[in-house]
Amino acid sequence: MPILLVESEASVLQVLEQAVSDLGIQARSATTLQAGLELFASEHARIVFVDLDSSTQTLEMLKAILAPRSGGGSHCREP
């Protein structure tokens, strides 16, 4: 299961992709929140790094990530 990286700045995204790759972890990336949501739905990433800002789109993405998936259960696990 890949890590999902959502970052609008190409240079920051490149650094994140390289860091994750250096750890031997597969990453999928998106430069927009909409593309990130689409990848999240198709890839079932368990870890998501999101470029946070104060936009409504960011809030909607966070809600989608935290919402229970069909079939029960939440995206988040309690420690």
PDB file of N, CA and C in Angstrom:
ATOM      1  N   MET A   1       0.832  -1.170   0.000  1.00  0.00           N
ATOM      2  CA  MET A   1       0.000   0.000   0.000  1.00  0.00           C
ATOM      3  C   MET A   1       0.886   1.245   0.000  1.00  0.00           C
ATOM      4  N   PRO A   2       0.671   2.121  -0.956  1.00  0.00           N
ATOM      5  CA  PRO A   2       1.537   3.297  -1.065  1.00  0.00           C
ATOM      6  C   PRO A   2       1.160   4.410  -0.097  1.00  0.00           C
ATOM      7  N   ILE A   3       2.104   5.302   0.089  1.00  0.00           N
ATOM      8  CA  ILE A   3       1.867   6.559   0.788  1.00  0.00           C
ATOM      9  C   ILE A   3       1.393   7.546  -0.270  1.00  0.00           C
ATOM     10  N   LEU A   4       0.462   8.406   0.091  1.00  0.00           N
ATOM     11  CA  LEU A   4      -0.031   9.421  -0.830  1.00  0.00           C
ATOM     12  C   LEU A   4       0.528  10.776  -0.421  1.00  0.00           C
ATOM     13  N   LEU A   5       1.131  11.463  -1.383  1.00  0.00           N
ATOM     14  CA  LEU A   5       1.691  12.795  -1.162  1.00  0.00           C
ATOM     15  C   LEU A   5       0.885  13.793  -1.978  1.00  0.00           C
ATOM     16  N   VAL A   6       0.342  14.821  -1.330  1.00  0.00           N
ATOM     17  CA  VAL A   6      -0.409  15.863  -2.030  1.00  0.00           C
ATOM     18  C   VAL A   6       0.267  17.192  -1.713  1.00  0.00           C
ATOM     19  N   GLU A   7       0.897  17.766  -2.726  1.00  0.00           N
ATOM     20  CA  GLU A   7       1.685  18.990  -2.549  1.00  0.00           C
ATOM     21  C   GLU A   7       1.633  19.784  -3.842  1.00  0.00           C
ATOM     22  N   SER A   8       1.296  21.074  -3.759  1.00  0.00           N
ATOM     23  CA  SER A   8       1.152  21.903  -4.953  1.00  0.00           C
ATOM     24  C   SER A   8       2.483  22.416  -5.504  1.00  0.00           C
ATOM     25  N   GLU A   9       3.497  22.488  -4.671  1.00  0.00           N
ATOM     26  CA  GLU A   9       4.796  22.984  -5.137  1.00  0.00           C
ATOM     27  C   GLU A   9       5.658  21.825  -5.614  1.00  0.00           C
ATOM     28  N   ALA A  10       6.026  21.872  -6.895  1.00  0.00           N
ATOM     29  CA  ALA A  10       6.762  20.773  -7.521  1.00  0.00           C
ATOM     30  C   ALA A  10       8.080  20.466  -6.809  1.00  0.00           C
ATOM     31  N   SER A  11       8.803  21.488  -6.369  1.00  0.00           N
ATOM     32  CA  SER A  11      10.099  21.254  -5.728  1.00  0.00           C
ATOM     33  C   SER A  11       9.937  20.544  -4.383  1.00  0.00           C
ATOM     34  N   VAL A  12       8.908  20.910  -3.634  1.00  0.00           N
ATOM     35  CA  VAL A  12       8.649  20.263  -2.344  1.00  0.00           C
ATOM     36  C   VAL A  12       8.198  18.828  -2.574  1.00  0.00           C
ATOM     37  N   LEU A  13       7.343  18.626  -3.572  1.00  0.00           N
ATOM     38  CA  LEU A  13       6.867  17.284  -3.890  1.00  0.00           C
ATOM     39  C   LEU A  13       8.021  16.374  -4.291  1.00  0.00           C
ATOM     40  N   GLN A  14       8.952  16.907  -5.065  1.00  0.00           N
ATOM     41  CA  GLN A  14      10.110  16.123  -5.495  1.00  0.00           C
ATOM     42  C   GLN A  14      10.952  15.682  -4.290  1.00  0.00           C
ATOM     43  N   VAL A  15      11.157  16.566  -3.328  1.00  0.00           N
ATOM     44  CA  VAL A  15      11.915  16.231  -2.124  1.00  0.00           C
ATOM     45  C   VAL A  15      11.189  15.147  -1.320  1.00  0.00           C
ATOM     46  N   LEU A  16       9.880  15.300  -1.169  1.00  0.00           N
ATOM     47  CA  LEU A  16       9.096  14.298  -0.439  1.00  0.00           C
ATOM     48  C   LEU A  16       9.144  12.940  -1.138  1.00  0.00           C
ATOM     49  N   GLU A  17       8.981  12.939  -2.458  1.00  0.00           N
ATOM     50  CA  GLU A  17       9.038  11.683  -3.214  1.00  0.00           C
ATOM     51  C   GLU A  17      10.385  10.996  -3.044  1.00  0.00           C
ATOM     52  N   GLN A  18      11.454  11.765  -3.089  1.00  0.00           N
ATOM     53  CA  GLN A  18      12.795  11.195  -2.951  1.00  0.00           C
ATOM     54  C   GLN A  18      13.003  10.636  -1.551  1.00  0.00           C
ATOM     55  N   ALA A  19      12.555  11.353  -0.542  1.00  0.00           N
ATOM     56  CA  ALA A  19      12.704  10.899   0.846  1.00  0.00           C
ATOM     57  C   ALA A  19      11.956   9.582   1.070  1.00  0.00           C
ATOM     58  N   VAL A  20      10.748   9.495   0.566  1.00  0.00           N
ATOM     59  CA  VAL A  20       9.959   8.276   0.721  1.00  0.00           C
ATOM     60  C   VAL A  20      10.603   7.134  -0.056  1.00  0.00           C
ATOM     61  N   SER A  21      11.046   7.418  -1.263  1.00  0.00           N
ATOM     62  CA  SER A  21      11.705   6.408  -2.090  1.00  0.00           C
ATOM     63  C   SER A  21      12.983   5.888  -1.431  1.00  0.00           C
ATOM     64  N   ASP A  22      13.746   6.798  -0.821  1.00  0.00           N
ATOM     65  CA  ASP A  22      14.986   6.402  -0.133  1.00  0.00           C
ATOM     66  C   ASP A  22      14.715   5.424   1.007  1.00  0.00           C
ATOM     67  N   LEU A  23      13.511   5.473   1.556  1.00  0.00           N
ATOM     68  CA  LEU A  23      13.122   4.556   2.629  1.00  0.00           C
ATOM     69  C   LEU A  23      12.586   3.234   2.081  1.00  0.00           C
ATOM     70  N   GLY A  24      12.519   3.140   0.758  1.00  0.00           N
ATOM     71  CA  GLY A  24      12.023   1.926   0.131  1.00  0.00           C
ATOM     72  C   GLY A  24      10.509   1.803   0.166  1.00  0.00           C
ATOM     73  N   ILE A  25       9.838   2.936   0.284  1.00  0.00           N
ATOM     74  CA  ILE A  25       8.381   2.948   0.360  1.00  0.00           C
ATOM     75  C   ILE A  25       7.820   3.490  -0.940  1.00  0.00           C
ATOM     76  N   GLN A  26       6.800   2.831  -1.439  1.00  0.00           N
ATOM     77  CA  GLN A  26       6.137   3.277  -2.656  1.00  0.00           C
ATOM     78  C   GLN A  26       5.295   4.505  -2.343  1.00  0.00           C
ATOM     79  N   ALA A  27       5.369   5.489  -3.222  1.00  0.00           N
ATOM     80  CA  ALA A  27       4.570   6.711  -3.041  1.00  0.00           C
ATOM     81  C   ALA A  27       3.810   7.026  -4.309  1.00  0.00           C
ATOM     82  N   ARG A  28       2.626   7.546  -4.141  1.00  0.00           N
ATOM     83  CA  ARG A  28       1.829   8.107  -5.226  1.00  0.00           C
ATOM     84  C   ARG A  28       1.717   9.585  -4.904  1.00  0.00           C
ATOM     85  N   SER A  29       1.713  10.416  -5.919  1.00  0.00           N
ATOM     86  CA  SER A  29       1.676  11.850  -5.642  1.00  0.00           C
ATOM     87  C   SER A  29       0.698  12.582  -6.544  1.00  0.00           C
ATOM     88  N   ALA A  30       0.244  13.715  -6.037  1.00  0.00           N
ATOM     89  CA  ALA A  30      -0.677  14.587  -6.758  1.00  0.00           C
ATOM     90  C   ALA A  30      -0.318  16.030  -6.446  1.00  0.00           C
ATOM     91  N   THR A  31      -0.552  16.894  -7.425  1.00  0.00           N
ATOM     92  CA  THR A  31      -0.252  18.311  -7.225  1.00  0.00           C
ATOM     93  C   THR A  31      -1.498  19.140  -6.951  1.00  0.00           C
ATOM     94  N   THR A  32      -2.675  18.507  -6.991  1.00  0.00           N
ATOM     95  CA  THR A  32      -3.912  19.209  -6.644  1.00  0.00           C
ATOM     96  C   THR A  32      -4.693  18.361  -5.645  1.00  0.00           C
ATOM     97  N   LEU A  33      -5.559  19.020  -4.889  1.00  0.00           N
ATOM     98  CA  LEU A  33      -6.378  18.289  -3.921  1.00  0.00           C
ATOM     99  C   LEU A  33      -7.351  17.347  -4.622  1.00  0.00           C
ATOM    100  N   GLN A  34      -7.910  17.760  -5.745  1.00  0.00           N
ATOM    101  CA  GLN A  34      -8.839  16.906  -6.484  1.00  0.00           C
ATOM    102  C   GLN A  34      -8.131  15.639  -6.964  1.00  0.00           C
ATOM    103  N   ALA A  35      -6.947  15.791  -7.527  1.00  0.00           N
ATOM    104  CA  ALA A  35      -6.185  14.625  -7.977  1.00  0.00           C
ATOM    105  C   ALA A  35      -5.805  13.751  -6.785  1.00  0.00           C
ATOM    106  N   GLY A  36      -5.521  14.385  -5.663  1.00  0.00           N
ATOM    107  CA  GLY A  36      -5.203  13.634  -4.451  1.00  0.00           C
ATOM    108  C   GLY A  36      -6.385  12.810  -3.971  1.00  0.00           C
ATOM    109  N   LEU A  37      -7.577  13.383  -4.018  1.00  0.00           N
ATOM    110  CA  LEU A  37      -8.781  12.647  -3.629  1.00  0.00           C
ATOM    111  C   LEU A  37      -9.027  11.464  -4.556  1.00  0.00           C
ATOM    112  N   GLU A  38      -8.816  11.662  -5.840  1.00  0.00           N
ATOM    113  CA  GLU A  38      -9.003  10.571  -6.798  1.00  0.00           C
ATOM    114  C   GLU A  38      -7.998   9.446  -6.538  1.00  0.00           C
ATOM    115  N   LEU A  39      -6.753   9.807  -6.286  1.00  0.00           N
ATOM    116  CA  LEU A  39      -5.745   8.786  -5.963  1.00  0.00           C
ATOM    117  C   LEU A  39      -6.067   8.089  -4.651  1.00  0.00           C
ATOM    118  N   PHE A  40      -6.523   8.861  -3.682  1.00  0.00           N
ATOM    119  CA  PHE A  40      -6.875   8.274  -2.391  1.00  0.00           C
ATOM    120  C   PHE A  40      -7.964   7.221  -2.560  1.00  0.00           C
ATOM    121  N   ALA A  41      -8.942   7.522  -3.381  1.00  0.00           N
ATOM    122  CA  ALA A  41     -10.045   6.589  -3.616  1.00  0.00           C
ATOM    123  C   ALA A  41      -9.583   5.333  -4.341  1.00  0.00           C
ATOM    124  N   SER A  42      -8.645   5.488  -5.259  1.00  0.00           N
ATOM    125  CA  SER A  42      -8.218   4.333  -6.053  1.00  0.00           C
ATOM    126  C   SER A  42      -7.062   3.549  -5.429  1.00  0.00           C
ATOM    127  N   GLU A  43      -6.210   4.200  -4.680  1.00  0.00           N
ATOM    128  CA  GLU A  43      -5.012   3.556  -4.148  1.00  0.00           C
ATOM    129  C   GLU A  43      -5.173   3.030  -2.726  1.00  0.00           C
ATOM    130  N   HIS A  44      -6.182   3.515  -2.002  1.00  0.00           N
ATOM    131  CA  HIS A  44      -6.415   3.089  -0.614  1.00  0.00           C
ATOM    132  C   HIS A  44      -5.177   3.301   0.263  1.00  0.00           C
ATOM    133  N   ALA A  45      -4.549   4.454   0.102  1.00  0.00           N
ATOM    134  CA  ALA A  45      -3.364   4.786   0.900  1.00  0.00           C
ATOM    135  C   ALA A  45      -3.735   4.846   2.379  1.00  0.00           C
ATOM    136  N   ARG A  46      -2.856   4.342   3.219  1.00  0.00           N
ATOM    137  CA  ARG A  46      -3.098   4.387   4.664  1.00  0.00           C
ATOM    138  C   ARG A  46      -2.398   5.573   5.301  1.00  0.00           C
ATOM    139  N   ILE A  47      -1.418   6.133   4.605  1.00  0.00           N
ATOM    140  CA  ILE A  47      -0.715   7.317   5.093  1.00  0.00           C
ATOM    141  C   ILE A  47      -0.805   8.379   4.005  1.00  0.00           C
ATOM    142  N   VAL A  48      -1.238   9.589   4.401  1.00  0.00           N
ATOM    143  CA  VAL A  48      -1.407  10.681   3.451  1.00  0.00           C
ATOM    144  C   VAL A  48      -0.729  11.930   3.998  1.00  0.00           C
ATOM    145  N   PHE A  49       0.144  12.511   3.187  1.00  0.00           N
ATOM    146  CA  PHE A  49       0.752  13.798   3.507  1.00  0.00           C
ATOM    147  C   PHE A  49       0.039  14.830   2.645  1.00  0.00           C
ATOM    148  N   VAL A  50      -0.591  15.824   3.283  1.00  0.00           N
ATOM    149  CA  VAL A  50      -1.382  16.821   2.566  1.00  0.00           C
ATOM    150  C   VAL A  50      -0.801  18.208   2.796  1.00  0.00           C
ATOM    151  N   ASP A  51      -0.683  18.959   1.714  1.00  0.00           N
ATOM    152  CA  ASP A  51      -0.269  20.353   1.766  1.00  0.00           C
ATOM    153  C   ASP A  51      -1.433  21.138   2.370  1.00  0.00           C
ATOM    154  N   LEU A  52      -1.331  21.455   3.644  1.00  0.00           N
ATOM    155  CA  LEU A  52      -2.441  22.120   4.335  1.00  0.00           C
ATOM    156  C   LEU A  52      -2.461  23.612   4.061  1.00  0.00           C
ATOM    157  N   ASP A  53      -3.655  24.102   3.826  1.00  0.00           N
ATOM    158  CA  ASP A  53      -3.886  25.537   3.742  1.00  0.00           C
ATOM    159  C   ASP A  53      -5.268  25.801   4.325  1.00  0.00           C
ATOM    160  N   SER A  54      -5.744  26.989   4.192  1.00  0.00           N
ATOM    161  CA  SER A  54      -7.024  27.319   4.826  1.00  0.00           C
ATOM    162  C   SER A  54      -8.201  27.213   3.861  1.00  0.00           C
ATOM    163  N   SER A  55      -8.021  26.539   2.743  1.00  0.00           N
ATOM    164  CA  SER A  55      -9.095  26.468   1.754  1.00  0.00           C
ATOM    165  C   SER A  55     -10.157  25.441   2.133  1.00  0.00           C
ATOM    166  N   THR A  56     -11.308  25.618   1.553  1.00  0.00           N
ATOM    167  CA  THR A  56     -12.401  24.673   1.763  1.00  0.00           C
ATOM    168  C   THR A  56     -12.051  23.329   1.147  1.00  0.00           C
ATOM    169  N   GLN A  57     -11.298  23.336   0.050  1.00  0.00           N
ATOM    170  CA  GLN A  57     -10.906  22.085  -0.605  1.00  0.00           C
ATOM    171  C   GLN A  57     -10.067  21.218   0.326  1.00  0.00           C
ATOM    172  N   THR A  58      -9.169  21.831   1.068  1.00  0.00           N
ATOM    173  CA  THR A  58      -8.343  21.077   2.004  1.00  0.00           C
ATOM    174  C   THR A  58      -9.214  20.443   3.075  1.00  0.00           C
ATOM    175  N   LEU A  59     -10.162  21.198   3.587  1.00  0.00           N
ATOM    176  CA  LEU A  59     -11.069  20.663   4.594  1.00  0.00           C
ATOM    177  C   LEU A  59     -11.869  19.490   4.031  1.00  0.00           C
ATOM    178  N   GLU A  60     -12.347  19.611   2.802  1.00  0.00           N
ATOM    179  CA  GLU A  60     -13.110  18.531   2.174  1.00  0.00           C
ATOM    180  C   GLU A  60     -12.245  17.284   1.985  1.00  0.00           C
ATOM    181  N   MET A  61     -10.976  17.471   1.633  1.00  0.00           N
ATOM    182  CA  MET A  61     -10.089  16.320   1.475  1.00  0.00           C
ATOM    183  C   MET A  61      -9.880  15.630   2.814  1.00  0.00           C
ATOM    184  N   LEU A  62      -9.661  16.402   3.856  1.00  0.00           N
ATOM    185  CA  LEU A  62      -9.463  15.816   5.178  1.00  0.00           C
ATOM    186  C   LEU A  62     -10.702  15.063   5.638  1.00  0.00           C
ATOM    187  N   LYS A  63     -11.880  15.619   5.368  1.00  0.00           N
ATOM    188  CA  LYS A  63     -13.116  14.930   5.717  1.00  0.00           C
ATOM    189  C   LYS A  63     -13.225  13.603   4.974  1.00  0.00           C
ATOM    190  N   ALA A  64     -12.877  13.602   3.698  1.00  0.00           N
ATOM    191  CA  ALA A  64     -12.948  12.379   2.901  1.00  0.00           C
ATOM    192  C   ALA A  64     -11.969  11.327   3.407  1.00  0.00           C
ATOM    193  N   ILE A  65     -10.794  11.756   3.818  1.00  0.00           N
ATOM    194  CA  ILE A  65      -9.789  10.823   4.320  1.00  0.00           C
ATOM    195  C   ILE A  65     -10.241  10.218   5.646  1.00  0.00           C
ATOM    196  N   LEU A  66     -10.862  11.020   6.488  1.00  0.00           N
ATOM    197  CA  LEU A  66     -11.258  10.555   7.816  1.00  0.00           C
ATOM    198  C   LEU A  66     -12.602   9.831   7.841  1.00  0.00           C
ATOM    199  N   ALA A  67     -13.378   9.946   6.781  1.00  0.00           N
ATOM    200  CA  ALA A  67     -14.696   9.309   6.739  1.00  0.00           C
ATOM    201  C   ALA A  67     -14.556   7.788   6.672  1.00  0.00           C
ATOM    202  N   PRO A  68     -15.499   7.068   7.271  1.00  0.00           N
ATOM    203  CA  PRO A  68     -15.467   5.603   7.171  1.00  0.00           C
ATOM    204  C   PRO A  68     -15.583   5.159   5.725  1.00  0.00           C
ATOM    205  N   ARG A  69     -14.854   4.112   5.386  1.00  0.00           N
ATOM    206  CA  ARG A  69     -14.944   3.537   4.044  1.00  0.00           C
ATOM    207  C   ARG A  69     -16.144   2.620   3.976  1.00  0.00           C
ATOM    208  N   SER A  70     -16.643   2.412   2.767  1.00  0.00           N
ATOM    209  CA  SER A  70     -17.745   1.458   2.632  1.00  0.00           C
ATOM    210  C   SER A  70     -17.236   0.096   3.061  1.00  0.00           C
ATOM    211  N   GLY A  71     -18.059  -0.648   3.728  1.00  0.00           N
ATOM    212  CA  GLY A  71     -17.639  -1.931   4.285  1.00  0.00           C
ATOM    213  C   GLY A  71     -17.314  -1.794   5.748  1.00  0.00           C
ATOM    214  N   GLY A  72     -17.471  -0.597   6.305  1.00  0.00           N
ATOM    215  CA  GLY A  72     -17.254  -0.395   7.742  1.00  0.00           C
ATOM    216  C   GLY A  72     -15.830   0.006   8.037  1.00  0.00           C
ATOM    217  N   GLY A  73     -15.654   0.496   9.227  1.00  0.00           N
ATOM    218  CA  GLY A  73     -14.322   0.884   9.680  1.00  0.00           C
ATOM    219  C   GLY A  73     -13.973   2.293   9.277  1.00  0.00           C
ATOM    220  N   SER A  74     -13.024   2.831   9.969  1.00  0.00           N
ATOM    221  CA  SER A  74     -12.551   4.186   9.720  1.00  0.00           C
ATOM    222  C   SER A  74     -11.188   4.110   9.060  1.00  0.00           C
ATOM    223  N   HIS A  75     -10.745   5.216   8.494  1.00  0.00           N
ATOM    224  CA  HIS A  75      -9.405   5.271   7.915  1.00  0.00           C
ATOM    225  C   HIS A  75      -8.347   5.334   9.016  1.00  0.00           C
ATOM    226  N   CYS A  76      -8.748   5.785  10.182  1.00  0.00           N
ATOM    227  CA  CYS A  76      -7.804   6.002  11.269  1.00  0.00           C
ATOM    228  C   CYS A  76      -7.875   4.865  12.271  1.00  0.00           C
ATOM    229  N   ARG A  77      -6.729   4.524  12.804  1.00  0.00           N
ATOM    230  CA  ARG A  77      -6.698   3.524  13.865  1.00  0.00           C
ATOM    231  C   ARG A  77      -6.338   4.207  15.180  1.00  0.00           C
ATOM    232  N   GLU A  78      -6.962   3.759  16.225  1.00  0.00           N
ATOM    233  CA  GLU A  78      -6.637   4.270  17.547  1.00  0.00           C
ATOM    234  C   GLU A  78      -5.296   3.708  17.981  1.00  0.00           C
ATOM    235  N   PRO A  79      -4.489   4.486  18.698  1.00  0.00           N
ATOM    236  CA  PRO A  79      -3.179   3.982  19.149  1.00  0.00           C
ATOM    237  C   PRO A  79      -3.298   2.851  20.135  1.00  0.00           C
TER     238      PRO A  79
END
